[in-house]
PDB file of N, CA and C in Angstrom:
ATOM      1  N   MET A   1      -8.314 -42.971  10.498  1.00  0.00           N
ATOM      2  CA  MET A   1      -7.756 -41.777   9.877  1.00  0.00           C
ATOM      3  C   MET A   1      -8.799 -41.037   9.054  1.00  0.00           C
ATOM      4  N   MET A   2      -9.647 -41.767   8.372  1.00  0.00           N
ATOM      5  CA  MET A   2     -10.621 -41.140   7.493  1.00  0.00           C
ATOM      6  C   MET A   2     -11.643 -40.280   8.245  1.00  0.00           C
ATOM      7  N   PRO A   3     -12.221 -40.735   9.376  1.00  0.00           N
ATOM      8  CA  PRO A   3     -13.171 -39.868  10.080  1.00  0.00           C
ATOM      9  C   PRO A   3     -12.513 -38.590  10.596  1.00  0.00           C
ATOM     10  N   ARG A   4     -11.253 -38.692  10.990  1.00  0.00           N
ATOM     11  CA  ARG A   4     -10.541 -37.510  11.474  1.00  0.00           C
ATOM     12  C   ARG A   4     -10.342 -36.501  10.340  1.00  0.00           C
ATOM     13  N   ALA A   5     -10.012 -36.987   9.161  1.00  0.00           N
ATOM     14  CA  ALA A   5      -9.832 -36.111   8.006  1.00  0.00           C
ATOM     15  C   ALA A   5     -11.146 -35.456   7.612  1.00  0.00           C
ATOM     16  N   LYS A   6     -12.248 -36.169   7.793  1.00  0.00           N
ATOM     17  CA  LYS A   6     -13.556 -35.593   7.467  1.00  0.00           C
ATOM     18  C   LYS A   6     -13.917 -34.455   8.414  1.00  0.00           C
ATOM     19  N   LEU A   7     -13.354 -34.445   9.592  1.00  0.00           N
ATOM     20  CA  LEU A   7     -13.603 -33.364  10.541  1.00  0.00           C
ATOM     21  C   LEU A   7     -12.646 -32.192  10.334  1.00  0.00           C
ATOM     22  N   ILE A   8     -11.406 -32.502  10.042  1.00  0.00           N
ATOM     23  CA  ILE A   8     -10.387 -31.458   9.926  1.00  0.00           C
ATOM     24  C   ILE A   8     -10.509 -30.687   8.615  1.00  0.00           C
ATOM     25  N   LEU A   9     -10.808 -31.363   7.537  1.00  0.00           N
ATOM     26  CA  LEU A   9     -10.873 -30.712   6.229  1.00  0.00           C
ATOM     27  C   LEU A   9     -11.922 -29.597   6.170  1.00  0.00           C
ATOM     28  N   PRO A  10     -13.166 -29.819   6.614  1.00  0.00           N
ATOM     29  CA  PRO A  10     -14.129 -28.703   6.603  1.00  0.00           C
ATOM     30  C   PRO A  10     -13.715 -27.552   7.515  1.00  0.00           C
ATOM     31  N   LEU A  11     -13.088 -27.878   8.633  1.00  0.00           N
ATOM     32  CA  LEU A  11     -12.618 -26.829   9.533  1.00  0.00           C
ATOM     33  C   LEU A  11     -11.547 -25.975   8.855  1.00  0.00           C
ATOM     34  N   MET A  12     -10.633 -26.606   8.152  1.00  0.00           N
ATOM     35  CA  MET A  12      -9.592 -25.863   7.439  1.00  0.00           C
ATOM     36  C   MET A  12     -10.191 -24.970   6.360  1.00  0.00           C
ATOM     37  N   PHE A  13     -11.155 -25.474   5.608  1.00  0.00           N
ATOM     38  CA  PHE A  13     -11.792 -24.666   4.568  1.00  0.00           C
ATOM     39  C   PHE A  13     -12.560 -23.494   5.161  1.00  0.00           C
ATOM     40  N   SER A  14     -13.222 -23.710   6.289  1.00  0.00           N
ATOM     41  CA  SER A  14     -13.979 -22.618   6.901  1.00  0.00           C
ATOM     42  C   SER A  14     -13.045 -21.529   7.416  1.00  0.00           C
ATOM     43  N   LEU A  15     -11.870 -21.913   7.902  1.00  0.00           N
ATOM     44  CA  LEU A  15     -10.909 -20.910   8.362  1.00  0.00           C
ATOM     45  C   LEU A  15     -10.312 -20.129   7.201  1.00  0.00           C
ATOM     46  N   LEU A  16     -10.091 -20.789   6.086  1.00  0.00           N
ATOM     47  CA  LEU A  16      -9.521 -20.116   4.923  1.00  0.00           C
ATOM     48  C   LEU A  16     -10.514 -19.168   4.264  1.00  0.00           C
ATOM     49  N   CYS A  17     -11.781 -19.474   4.367  1.00  0.00           N
ATOM     50  CA  CYS A  17     -12.804 -18.682   3.687  1.00  0.00           C
ATOM     51  C   CYS A  17     -13.467 -17.657   4.595  1.00  0.00           C
ATOM     52  N   SER A  18     -13.013 -17.518   5.808  1.00  0.00           N
ATOM     53  CA  SER A  18     -13.652 -16.586   6.733  1.00  0.00           C
ATOM     54  C   SER A  18     -13.313 -15.143   6.358  1.00  0.00           C
ATOM     55  N   VAL A  19     -14.162 -14.241   6.773  1.00  0.00           N
ATOM     56  CA  VAL A  19     -13.990 -12.819   6.490  1.00  0.00           C
ATOM     57  C   VAL A  19     -13.123 -12.205   7.582  1.00  0.00           C
ATOM     58  N   ALA A  20     -12.186 -11.387   7.185  1.00  0.00           N
ATOM     59  CA  ALA A  20     -11.348 -10.694   8.162  1.00  0.00           C
ATOM     60  C   ALA A  20     -12.147  -9.546   8.759  1.00  0.00           C
ATOM     61  N   GLU A  21     -12.317  -9.573  10.051  1.00  0.00           N
ATOM     62  CA  GLU A  21     -13.144  -8.575  10.724  1.00  0.00           C
ATOM     63  C   GLU A  21     -12.387  -7.284  11.031  1.00  0.00           C
ATOM     64  N   GLY A  22     -11.083  -7.339  11.127  1.00  0.00           N
ATOM     65  CA  GLY A  22     -10.320  -6.180  11.559  1.00  0.00           C
ATOM     66  C   GLY A  22      -9.844  -5.279  10.441  1.00  0.00           C
ATOM     67  N   GLN A  23     -10.346  -5.445   9.248  1.00  0.00           N
ATOM     68  CA  GLN A  23      -9.868  -4.636   8.141  1.00  0.00           C
ATOM     69  C   GLN A  23     -10.475  -3.241   8.179  1.00  0.00           C
ATOM     70  N   VAL A  24      -9.681  -2.280   7.800  1.00  0.00           N
ATOM     71  CA  VAL A  24     -10.113  -0.891   7.713  1.00  0.00           C
ATOM     72  C   VAL A  24      -9.984  -0.476   6.253  1.00  0.00           C
ATOM     73  N   PRO A  25     -10.990   0.192   5.694  1.00  0.00           N
ATOM     74  CA  PRO A  25     -10.886   0.596   4.292  1.00  0.00           C
ATOM     75  C   PRO A  25      -9.769   1.626   4.089  1.00  0.00           C
ATOM     76  N   VAL A  26      -9.126   1.533   2.953  1.00  0.00           N
ATOM     77  CA  VAL A  26      -8.048   2.462   2.614  1.00  0.00           C
ATOM     78  C   VAL A  26      -8.666   3.764   2.130  1.00  0.00           C
ATOM     79  N   THR A  27      -8.245   4.871   2.726  1.00  0.00           N
ATOM     80  CA  THR A  27      -8.724   6.182   2.300  1.00  0.00           C
ATOM     81  C   THR A  27      -7.510   7.050   1.977  1.00  0.00           C
ATOM     82  N   PRO A  28      -7.509   7.685   0.824  1.00  0.00           N
ATOM     83  CA  PRO A  28      -6.373   8.544   0.470  1.00  0.00           C
ATOM     84  C   PRO A  28      -6.377   9.820   1.312  1.00  0.00           C
ATOM     85  N   ALA A  29      -5.218  10.427   1.414  1.00  0.00           N
ATOM     86  CA  ALA A  29      -5.106  11.686   2.143  1.00  0.00           C
ATOM     87  C   ALA A  29      -5.904  12.759   1.419  1.00  0.00           C
ATOM     88  N   ALA A  30      -6.605  13.579   2.182  1.00  0.00           N
ATOM     89  CA  ALA A  30      -7.415  14.641   1.586  1.00  0.00           C
ATOM     90  C   ALA A  30      -6.525  15.650   0.860  1.00  0.00           C
ATOM     91  N   ARG A  31      -5.398  15.973   1.458  1.00  0.00           N
ATOM     92  CA  ARG A  31      -4.443  16.900   0.839  1.00  0.00           C
ATOM     93  C   ARG A  31      -3.072  16.230   0.844  1.00  0.00           C
ATOM     94  N   PRO A  32      -2.707  15.547  -0.244  1.00  0.00           N
ATOM     95  CA  PRO A  32      -1.441  14.805  -0.273  1.00  0.00           C
ATOM     96  C   PRO A  32      -0.203  15.669  -0.052  1.00  0.00           C
ATOM     97  N   GLU A  33      -0.278  16.944  -0.379  1.00  0.00           N
ATOM     98  CA  GLU A  33       0.893  17.809  -0.205  1.00  0.00           C
ATOM     99  C   GLU A  33       1.250  17.980   1.273  1.00  0.00           C
ATOM    100  N   THR A  34       0.296  17.763   2.174  1.00  0.00           N
ATOM    101  CA  THR A  34       0.609  17.868   3.601  1.00  0.00           C
ATOM    102  C   THR A  34       1.516  16.725   4.055  1.00  0.00           C
ATOM    103  N   LEU A  35       1.524  15.619   3.323  1.00  0.00           N
ATOM    104  CA  LEU A  35       2.398  14.501   3.670  1.00  0.00           C
ATOM    105  C   LEU A  35       3.864  14.821   3.393  1.00  0.00           C
ATOM    106  N   LEU A  36       4.120  15.830   2.572  1.00  0.00           N
ATOM    107  CA  LEU A  36       5.490  16.209   2.227  1.00  0.00           C
ATOM    108  C   LEU A  36       6.121  17.111   3.275  1.00  0.00           C
ATOM    109  N   ALA A  37       5.322  17.679   4.151  1.00  0.00           N
ATOM    110  CA  ALA A  37       5.840  18.602   5.159  1.00  0.00           C
ATOM    111  C   ALA A  37       6.649  17.847   6.207  1.00  0.00           C
ATOM    112  N   SER A  38       7.740  18.480   6.645  1.00  0.00           N
ATOM    113  CA  SER A  38       8.593  17.896   7.671  1.00  0.00           C
ATOM    114  C   SER A  38       9.377  19.015   8.340  1.00  0.00           C
ATOM    115  N   PRO A  39       9.613  18.912   9.641  1.00  0.00           N
ATOM    116  CA  PRO A  39      10.427  19.945  10.300  1.00  0.00           C
ATOM    117  C   PRO A  39      11.884  19.926   9.830  1.00  0.00           C
ATOM    118  N   ASP A  40      12.339  18.779   9.352  1.00  0.00           N
ATOM    119  CA  ASP A  40      13.700  18.652   8.823  1.00  0.00           C
ATOM    120  C   ASP A  40      13.685  19.068   7.350  1.00  0.00           C
ATOM    121  N   ALA A  41      14.427  20.113   7.009  1.00  0.00           N
ATOM    122  CA  ALA A  41      14.420  20.650   5.640  1.00  0.00           C
ATOM    123  C   ALA A  41      14.938  19.634   4.626  1.00  0.00           C
ATOM    124  N   LYS A  42      15.961  18.874   4.988  1.00  0.00           N
ATOM    125  CA  LYS A  42      16.520  17.883   4.067  1.00  0.00           C
ATOM    126  C   LYS A  42      15.500  16.785   3.779  1.00  0.00           C
ATOM    127  N   LEU A  43      14.803  16.343   4.804  1.00  0.00           N
ATOM    128  CA  LEU A  43      13.782  15.320   4.624  1.00  0.00           C
ATOM    129  C   LEU A  43      12.626  15.850   3.783  1.00  0.00           C
ATOM    130  N   ALA A  44      12.216  17.087   4.011  1.00  0.00           N
ATOM    131  CA  ALA A  44      11.138  17.689   3.222  1.00  0.00           C
ATOM    132  C   ALA A  44      11.538  17.790   1.750  1.00  0.00           C
ATOM    133  N   ASN A  45      12.791  18.180   1.479  1.00  0.00           N
ATOM    134  CA  ASN A  45      13.264  18.261   0.092  1.00  0.00           C
ATOM    135  C   ASN A  45      13.300  16.888  -0.568  1.00  0.00           C
ATOM    136  N   ASN A  46      13.745  15.873   0.177  1.00  0.00           N
ATOM    137  CA  ASN A  46      13.786  14.521  -0.373  1.00  0.00           C
ATOM    138  C   ASN A  46      12.381  14.001  -0.664  1.00  0.00           C
ATOM    139  N   LYS A  47      11.446  14.282   0.237  1.00  0.00           N
ATOM    140  CA  LYS A  47      10.056  13.860   0.008  1.00  0.00           C
ATOM    141  C   LYS A  47       9.497  14.518  -1.246  1.00  0.00           C
ATOM    142  N   LYS A  48       9.790  15.806  -1.430  1.00  0.00           N
ATOM    143  CA  LYS A  48       9.301  16.523  -2.607  1.00  0.00           C
ATOM    144  C   LYS A  48       9.934  15.964  -3.874  1.00  0.00           C
ATOM    145  N   LEU A  49      11.238  15.674  -3.832  1.00  0.00           N
ATOM    146  CA  LEU A  49      11.935  15.109  -4.982  1.00  0.00           C
ATOM    147  C   LEU A  49      11.318  13.769  -5.391  1.00  0.00           C
ATOM    148  N   VAL A  50      11.084  12.901  -4.428  1.00  0.00           N
ATOM    149  CA  VAL A  50      10.508  11.591  -4.724  1.00  0.00           C
ATOM    150  C   VAL A  50       9.075  11.734  -5.218  1.00  0.00           C
ATOM    151  N   SER A  51       8.313  12.623  -4.613  1.00  0.00           N
ATOM    152  CA  SER A  51       6.929  12.841  -5.041  1.00  0.00           C
ATOM    153  C   SER A  51       6.869  13.362  -6.476  1.00  0.00           C
ATOM    154  N   ASP A  52       7.716  14.331  -6.789  1.00  0.00           N
ATOM    155  CA  ASP A  52       7.746  14.872  -8.153  1.00  0.00           C
ATOM    156  C   ASP A  52       8.191  13.812  -9.155  1.00  0.00           C
ATOM    157  N   PHE A  53       9.210  13.028  -8.791  1.00  0.00           N
ATOM    158  CA  PHE A  53       9.682  11.957  -9.668  1.00  0.00           C
ATOM    159  C   PHE A  53       8.565  10.957  -9.926  1.00  0.00           C
ATOM    160  N   TRP A  54       7.884  10.556  -8.869  1.00  0.00           N
ATOM    161  CA  TRP A  54       6.807   9.565  -9.015  1.00  0.00           C
ATOM    162  C   TRP A  54       5.702  10.111  -9.918  1.00  0.00           C
ATOM    163  N   ARG A  55       5.326  11.354  -9.690  1.00  0.00           N
ATOM    164  CA  ARG A  55       4.240  11.963 -10.465  1.00  0.00           C
ATOM    165  C   ARG A  55       4.620  12.099 -11.936  1.00  0.00           C
ATOM    166  N   GLU A  56       5.845  12.547 -12.219  1.00  0.00           N
ATOM    167  CA  GLU A  56       6.258  12.802 -13.600  1.00  0.00           C
ATOM    168  C   GLU A  56       6.648  11.533 -14.353  1.00  0.00           C
ATOM    169  N   VAL A  57       7.384  10.649 -13.708  1.00  0.00           N
ATOM    170  CA  VAL A  57       7.924   9.481 -14.413  1.00  0.00           C
ATOM    171  C   VAL A  57       6.986   8.285 -14.330  1.00  0.00           C
ATOM    172  N   VAL A  58       6.580   7.932 -13.141  1.00  0.00           N
ATOM    173  CA  VAL A  58       5.788   6.712 -12.980  1.00  0.00           C
ATOM    174  C   VAL A  58       4.343   6.930 -13.409  1.00  0.00           C
ATOM    175  N   ASP A  59       3.697   7.956 -12.858  1.00  0.00           N
ATOM    176  CA  ASP A  59       2.287   8.185 -13.187  1.00  0.00           C
ATOM    177  C   ASP A  59       2.094   8.680 -14.615  1.00  0.00           C
ATOM    178  N   ALA A  60       2.900   9.662 -15.035  1.00  0.00           N
ATOM    179  CA  ALA A  60       2.722  10.251 -16.362  1.00  0.00           C
ATOM    180  C   ALA A  60       3.473   9.483 -17.447  1.00  0.00           C
ATOM    181  N   GLY A  61       4.397   8.619 -17.069  1.00  0.00           N
ATOM    182  CA  GLY A  61       5.126   7.818 -18.046  1.00  0.00           C
ATOM    183  C   GLY A  61       6.138   8.597 -18.863  1.00  0.00           C
ATOM    184  N   GLN A  62       6.614   9.710 -18.352  1.00  0.00           N
ATOM    185  CA  GLN A  62       7.592  10.532 -19.074  1.00  0.00           C
ATOM    186  C   GLN A  62       9.001  10.071 -18.709  1.00  0.00           C
ATOM    187  N   ILE A  63       9.451   9.026 -19.389  1.00  0.00           N
ATOM    188  CA  ILE A  63      10.748   8.451 -19.033  1.00  0.00           C
ATOM    189  C   ILE A  63      11.923   9.364 -19.373  1.00  0.00           C
ATOM    190  N   GLU A  64      11.711  10.351 -20.216  1.00  0.00           N
ATOM    191  CA  GLU A  64      12.799  11.285 -20.522  1.00  0.00           C
ATOM    192  C   GLU A  64      13.105  12.185 -19.323  1.00  0.00           C
ATOM    193  N   GLN A  65      12.222  12.221 -18.343  1.00  0.00           N
ATOM    194  CA  GLN A  65      12.433  13.031 -17.141  1.00  0.00           C
ATOM    195  C   GLN A  65      13.339  12.335 -16.122  1.00  0.00           C
ATOM    196  N   ILE A  66      13.719  11.095 -16.368  1.00  0.00           N
ATOM    197  CA  ILE A  66      14.535  10.340 -15.411  1.00  0.00           C
ATOM    198  C   ILE A  66      15.880  11.016 -15.182  1.00  0.00           C
ATOM    199  N   GLU A  67      16.486  11.521 -16.229  1.00  0.00           N
ATOM    200  CA  GLU A  67      17.809  12.147 -16.103  1.00  0.00           C
ATOM    201  C   GLU A  67      17.759  13.464 -15.345  1.00  0.00           C
ATOM    202  N   LYS A  68      16.612  14.079 -15.282  1.00  0.00           N
ATOM    203  CA  LYS A  68      16.470  15.363 -14.603  1.00  0.00           C
ATOM    204  C   LYS A  68      16.648  15.139 -13.141  1.00  0.00           C
TER     205      LYS A  68
END
């Protein structure tokens, strides 16, 4: 059992420490407002509402804007 463990343990560590080759770097949208556009007017309004809420409440920390 011991020689087998000596072979398996380094293999497991090498697999855990390997570099992921398929990763793509995250890049933000050049113009975030274009992400809000939609042919469906209701969906576009909802996207704008959520975007404005996120910007005002979450990013800026203005919790008094929650009721708005």
